[in-house]
Amino acid sequence: MAETQLSDVRAKQADLERMAVVLDELVRACGAGDASGCPLLEALSD
């Protein structure tokens, strides 16, 4: 049981790490916060 939970936690951790990498790239693409050309802000405004 504990091994299964540990495996689940590690899988979630890996998912979160991949999400963090993508979000970091999007934040950098947004530069100084200018909404034009910022995929993060454009996605949120849809």
C-alpha atoms as a PDB file:
ATOM      1  CA  MET A   1       0.000   0.000   0.000  1.00  0.00           C
ATOM      2  CA  ALA A   2       2.726   2.474   0.936  1.00  0.00           C
ATOM      3  CA  GLU A   3       4.659   1.585  -2.220  1.00  0.00           C
ATOM      4  CA  THR A   4       1.620   2.367  -4.347  1.00  0.00           C
ATOM      5  CA  GLN A   5       1.129   5.710  -2.640  1.00  0.00           C
ATOM      6  CA  LEU A   6       4.809   6.551  -3.063  1.00  0.00           C
ATOM      7  CA  SER A   7       4.572   5.689  -6.744  1.00  0.00           C
ATOM      8  CA  ASP A   8       1.513   7.932  -7.101  1.00  0.00           C
ATOM      9  CA  VAL A   9       3.279  10.807  -5.355  1.00  0.00           C
ATOM     10  CA  ARG A  10       6.320  10.444  -7.617  1.00  0.00           C
ATOM     11  CA  ALA A  11       4.118  10.416 -10.718  1.00  0.00           C
ATOM     12  CA  LYS A  12       2.327  13.563  -9.557  1.00  0.00           C
ATOM     13  CA  GLN A  13       5.668  15.170  -8.783  1.00  0.00           C
ATOM     14  CA  ALA A  14       6.884  14.432 -12.317  1.00  0.00           C
ATOM     15  CA  ASP A  15       3.671  15.886 -13.768  1.00  0.00           C
ATOM     16  CA  LEU A  16       4.068  19.035 -11.692  1.00  0.00           C
ATOM     17  CA  GLU A  17       7.680  19.409 -12.782  1.00  0.00           C
ATOM     18  CA  ARG A  18       6.666  19.210 -16.449  1.00  0.00           C
ATOM     19  CA  MET A  19       3.941  21.785 -15.822  1.00  0.00           C
ATOM     20  CA  ALA A  20       6.428  24.075 -14.078  1.00  0.00           C
ATOM     21  CA  VAL A  21       8.783  23.909 -17.067  1.00  0.00           C
ATOM     22  CA  VAL A  22       5.993  24.864 -19.479  1.00  0.00           C
ATOM     23  CA  LEU A  23       4.754  27.676 -17.242  1.00  0.00           C
ATOM     24  CA  ASP A  24       8.288  28.990 -16.840  1.00  0.00           C
ATOM     25  CA  GLU A  25       8.633  29.153 -20.627  1.00  0.00           C
ATOM     26  CA  LEU A  26       5.303  30.972 -20.924  1.00  0.00           C
ATOM     27  CA  VAL A  27       6.238  33.482 -18.235  1.00  0.00           C
ATOM     28  CA  ARG A  28       9.524  34.215 -20.003  1.00  0.00           C
ATOM     29  CA  ALA A  29       7.685  34.609 -23.318  1.00  0.00           C
ATOM     30  CA  CYS A  30       5.566  37.304 -21.723  1.00  0.00           C
ATOM     31  CA  GLY A  31       8.567  39.500 -21.029  1.00  0.00           C
ATOM     32  CA  ALA A  32       7.628  42.623 -19.130  1.00  0.00           C
ATOM     33  CA  GLY A  33       3.938  41.774 -19.038  1.00  0.00           C
ATOM     34  CA  ASP A  34       2.957  43.138 -22.421  1.00  0.00           C
ATOM     35  CA  ALA A  35      -0.178  41.199 -23.370  1.00  0.00           C
ATOM     36  CA  SER A  36       0.495  41.327 -27.108  1.00  0.00           C
ATOM     37  CA  GLY A  37       2.387  38.213 -28.089  1.00  0.00           C
ATOM     38  CA  CYS A  38       2.183  36.716 -24.633  1.00  0.00           C
ATOM     39  CA  PRO A  39       0.709  33.210 -24.987  1.00  0.00           C
ATOM     40  CA  LEU A  40      -0.083  33.006 -21.288  1.00  0.00           C
ATOM     41  CA  LEU A  41      -2.075  36.222 -21.189  1.00  0.00           C
ATOM     42  CA  GLU A  42      -3.724  35.464 -24.533  1.00  0.00           C
ATOM     43  CA  ALA A  43      -4.843  32.048 -23.280  1.00  0.00           C
ATOM     44  CA  LEU A  44      -6.253  33.548 -20.091  1.00  0.00           C
ATOM     45  CA  SER A  45      -8.153  36.226 -21.989  1.00  0.00           C
ATOM     46  CA  ASP A  46     -10.009  33.684 -24.177  1.00  0.00           C
END
